Amino acid sequence: MTKVVYGKTYDRFFLEMSGHALPSESDTETEETEKSPECTAVCAALSILAVSCAEMLEEMDGSGQFSSCSITLEDGYALFDVTPGDDESAGKTEVVFDVLIGGINYLEENYPEFVVIE
């Protein structure tokens, strides 16, 4: 199961995804479920969302729009911790995170056995 923690304050955006899009350990699913097309598709969707978000944020960071920006992408893990430098950058950052969390919300609603937002 992929667990997502998301938060934002006036000046900070934070999102952490951990785990693979597999059924939770409490489920009595078989190894076959772990290799199912749904599991593979959800994992791929989460990866695309994370990589796309990282690319956009890194571009913004490169142009000096953040006072701090930490991005970590690893196998089964993504972390975004961003503090925009001004109100205009905060607005742009909010759009990026809205798209990211919107995609994750869709996956949680349609595949709750694979994704949970805490």
C-alpha atoms as a PDB file:
ATOM      1  CA  MET A   1       0.000   0.000   0.000  1.00  0.00           C
ATOM      2  CA  THR A   2       1.182   3.520  -0.740  1.00  0.00           C
ATOM      3  CA  LYS A   3       0.644   5.933   2.120  1.00  0.00           C
ATOM      4  CA  VAL A   4       0.500   9.654   1.401  1.00  0.00           C
ATOM      5  CA  VAL A   5       0.896  12.481   3.897  1.00  0.00           C
ATOM      6  CA  TYR A   6       0.098  15.975   2.618  1.00  0.00           C
ATOM      7  CA  GLY A   7       0.111  19.304   4.307  1.00  0.00           C
ATOM      8  CA  LYS A   8       0.375  22.962   3.523  1.00  0.00           C
ATOM      9  CA  THR A   9       0.622  26.099   5.561  1.00  0.00           C
ATOM     10  CA  TYR A  10       0.804  29.706   4.522  1.00  0.00           C
ATOM     11  CA  ASP A  11       4.418  29.370   3.408  1.00  0.00           C
ATOM     12  CA  ARG A  12       5.192  25.635   3.118  1.00  0.00           C
ATOM     13  CA  PHE A  13       4.041  22.698   1.002  1.00  0.00           C
ATOM     14  CA  PHE A  14       4.817  19.136   2.107  1.00  0.00           C
ATOM     15  CA  LEU A  15       3.971  15.775   0.560  1.00  0.00           C
ATOM     16  CA  GLU A  16       5.381  12.350   1.315  1.00  0.00           C
ATOM     17  CA  MET A  17       4.520   9.104  -0.467  1.00  0.00           C
ATOM     18  CA  SER A  18       5.864   5.836   0.889  1.00  0.00           C
ATOM     19  CA  GLY A  19       5.404   2.226  -0.047  1.00  0.00           C
ATOM     20  CA  HIS A  20       4.518   0.440  -3.222  1.00  0.00           C
ATOM     21  CA  ALA A  21       0.997   0.214  -4.614  1.00  0.00           C
ATOM     22  CA  LEU A  22       0.440  -3.291  -3.319  1.00  0.00           C
ATOM     23  CA  PRO A  23      -2.456  -4.524  -1.221  1.00  0.00           C
ATOM     24  CA  SER A  24      -2.024  -3.794   2.477  1.00  0.00           C
ATOM     25  CA  GLU A  25      -0.448  -6.527   4.586  1.00  0.00           C
ATOM     26  CA  SER A  26      -3.724  -7.079   6.400  1.00  0.00           C
ATOM     27  CA  ASP A  27      -5.401  -8.134   3.165  1.00  0.00           C
ATOM     28  CA  THR A  28      -5.465 -11.828   2.407  1.00  0.00           C
ATOM     29  CA  GLU A  29      -4.463 -11.259  -1.183  1.00  0.00           C
ATOM     30  CA  THR A  30      -2.283 -13.609  -3.154  1.00  0.00           C
ATOM     31  CA  GLU A  31       0.972 -12.905  -4.952  1.00  0.00           C
ATOM     32  CA  GLU A  32      -1.169 -12.891  -8.111  1.00  0.00           C
ATOM     33  CA  THR A  33      -2.912  -9.696  -6.918  1.00  0.00           C
ATOM     34  CA  GLU A  34       0.453  -8.010  -6.412  1.00  0.00           C
ATOM     35  CA  LYS A  35       1.202  -8.589 -10.097  1.00  0.00           C
ATOM     36  CA  SER A  36      -2.263  -7.608 -11.297  1.00  0.00           C
ATOM     37  CA  PRO A  37      -2.735  -5.025 -14.051  1.00  0.00           C
ATOM     38  CA  GLU A  38      -4.500  -2.734 -11.547  1.00  0.00           C
ATOM     39  CA  CYS A  39      -1.584  -2.852  -9.116  1.00  0.00           C
ATOM     40  CA  THR A  40       0.886  -2.150 -11.913  1.00  0.00           C
ATOM     41  CA  ALA A  41      -1.229   0.694 -13.294  1.00  0.00           C
ATOM     42  CA  VAL A  42      -1.645   2.387  -9.891  1.00  0.00           C
ATOM     43  CA  CYS A  43       2.079   2.112  -9.188  1.00  0.00           C
ATOM     44  CA  ALA A  44       2.861   3.594 -12.604  1.00  0.00           C
ATOM     45  CA  ALA A  45       0.347   6.409 -12.102  1.00  0.00           C
ATOM     46  CA  LEU A  46       1.829   7.348  -8.727  1.00  0.00           C
ATOM     47  CA  SER A  47       5.328   7.292 -10.198  1.00  0.00           C
ATOM     48  CA  ILE A  48       4.347   9.530 -13.119  1.00  0.00           C
ATOM     49  CA  LEU A  49       2.643  11.989 -10.774  1.00  0.00           C
ATOM     50  CA  ALA A  50       5.710  12.137  -8.514  1.00  0.00           C
ATOM     51  CA  VAL A  51       8.245  12.490 -11.326  1.00  0.00           C
ATOM     52  CA  SER A  52       6.159  15.133 -13.113  1.00  0.00           C
ATOM     53  CA  CYS A  53       5.776  17.131  -9.910  1.00  0.00           C
ATOM     54  CA  ALA A  54       9.503  16.851  -9.208  1.00  0.00           C
ATOM     55  CA  GLU A  55      10.362  18.117 -12.694  1.00  0.00           C
ATOM     56  CA  MET A  56       8.100  21.139 -12.361  1.00  0.00           C
ATOM     57  CA  LEU A  57       9.333  21.986  -8.867  1.00  0.00           C
ATOM     58  CA  GLU A  58      12.991  21.582  -9.834  1.00  0.00           C
ATOM     59  CA  GLU A  59      12.445  23.958 -12.766  1.00  0.00           C
ATOM     60  CA  MET A  60      10.829  26.497 -10.427  1.00  0.00           C
ATOM     61  CA  ASP A  61      13.631  26.055  -7.906  1.00  0.00           C
ATOM     62  CA  GLY A  62      16.222  26.564 -10.643  1.00  0.00           C
ATOM     63  CA  SER A  63      14.659  29.915 -11.486  1.00  0.00           C
ATOM     64  CA  GLY A  64      14.887  31.048  -7.857  1.00  0.00           C
ATOM     65  CA  GLN A  65      11.197  30.820  -6.917  1.00  0.00           C
ATOM     66  CA  PHE A  66      11.760  28.989  -3.613  1.00  0.00           C
ATOM     67  CA  SER A  67      13.453  29.986  -0.394  1.00  0.00           C
ATOM     68  CA  SER A  68      13.895  26.247   0.245  1.00  0.00           C
ATOM     69  CA  CYS A  69      13.198  23.151  -1.800  1.00  0.00           C
ATOM     70  CA  SER A  70      13.861  19.531  -0.884  1.00  0.00           C
ATOM     71  CA  ILE A  71      12.878  16.765  -3.299  1.00  0.00           C
ATOM     72  CA  THR A  72      13.653  13.088  -2.790  1.00  0.00           C
ATOM     73  CA  LEU A  73      12.662  10.381  -5.267  1.00  0.00           C
ATOM     74  CA  GLU A  74      13.604   6.793  -4.466  1.00  0.00           C
ATOM     75  CA  ASP A  75      12.145   3.390  -5.144  1.00  0.00           C
ATOM     76  CA  GLY A  76       8.855   3.343  -3.221  1.00  0.00           C
ATOM     77  CA  TYR A  77       9.390   6.800  -1.747  1.00  0.00           C
ATOM     78  CA  ALA A  78       8.871  10.452  -2.693  1.00  0.00           C
ATOM     79  CA  LEU A  79       9.224  13.558  -0.560  1.00  0.00           C
ATOM     80  CA  PHE A  80       8.488  17.167  -1.503  1.00  0.00           C
ATOM     81  CA  ASP A  81       9.139  19.938   1.030  1.00  0.00           C
ATOM     82  CA  VAL A  82       8.927  23.378  -0.562  1.00  0.00           C
ATOM     83  CA  THR A  83       8.826  26.936   0.752  1.00  0.00           C
ATOM     84  CA  PRO A  84       8.029  29.482  -1.975  1.00  0.00           C
ATOM     85  CA  GLY A  85       9.933  32.757  -1.974  1.00  0.00           C
ATOM     86  CA  ASP A  86       6.965  35.061  -2.587  1.00  0.00           C
ATOM     87  CA  ASP A  87       3.180  35.132  -3.100  1.00  0.00           C
ATOM     88  CA  GLU A  88       3.385  34.666  -6.874  1.00  0.00           C
ATOM     89  CA  SER A  89       5.580  31.584  -6.461  1.00  0.00           C
ATOM     90  CA  ALA A  90       3.251  30.286  -3.735  1.00  0.00           C
ATOM     91  CA  GLY A  91       0.339  30.478  -6.176  1.00  0.00           C
ATOM     92  CA  LYS A  92       2.251  28.535  -8.833  1.00  0.00           C
ATOM     93  CA  THR A  93       3.394  25.986  -6.274  1.00  0.00           C
ATOM     94  CA  GLU A  94      -0.162  25.490  -5.080  1.00  0.00           C
ATOM     95  CA  VAL A  95      -1.242  24.647  -8.628  1.00  0.00           C
ATOM     96  CA  VAL A  96       1.490  21.987  -8.896  1.00  0.00           C
ATOM     97  CA  PHE A  97       0.496  20.424  -5.580  1.00  0.00           C
ATOM     98  CA  ASP A  98      -3.230  20.644  -6.410  1.00  0.00           C
ATOM     99  CA  VAL A  99      -2.630  18.594  -9.554  1.00  0.00           C
ATOM    100  CA  LEU A 100      -0.481  16.094  -7.669  1.00  0.00           C
ATOM    101  CA  ILE A 101      -2.902  15.628  -4.771  1.00  0.00           C
ATOM    102  CA  GLY A 102      -5.852  15.603  -7.188  1.00  0.00           C
ATOM    103  CA  GLY A 103      -4.349  12.644  -9.030  1.00  0.00           C
ATOM    104  CA  ILE A 104      -3.592  10.861  -5.776  1.00  0.00           C
ATOM    105  CA  ASN A 105      -7.149  11.511  -4.518  1.00  0.00           C
ATOM    106  CA  TYR A 106      -8.521   9.951  -7.709  1.00  0.00           C
ATOM    107  CA  LEU A 107      -6.360   6.866  -7.192  1.00  0.00           C
ATOM    108  CA  GLU A 108      -7.364   6.584  -3.520  1.00  0.00           C
ATOM    109  CA  GLU A 109     -11.073   6.821  -4.388  1.00  0.00           C
ATOM    110  CA  ASN A 110     -10.848   4.217  -7.145  1.00  0.00           C
ATOM    111  CA  TYR A 111      -8.174   1.911  -5.700  1.00  0.00           C
ATOM    112  CA  PRO A 112      -8.421   2.157  -1.887  1.00  0.00           C
ATOM    113  CA  GLU A 113      -6.682  -1.186  -1.497  1.00  0.00           C
ATOM    114  CA  PHE A 114      -3.522   0.342  -3.003  1.00  0.00           C
ATOM    115  CA  VAL A 115      -3.476   4.019  -1.895  1.00  0.00           C
ATOM    116  CA  VAL A 116      -4.368   5.838   1.312  1.00  0.00           C
ATOM    117  CA  ILE A 117      -4.018   9.527   2.181  1.00  0.00           C
ATOM    118  CA  GLU A 118      -3.393  10.024   5.881  1.00  0.00           C
END
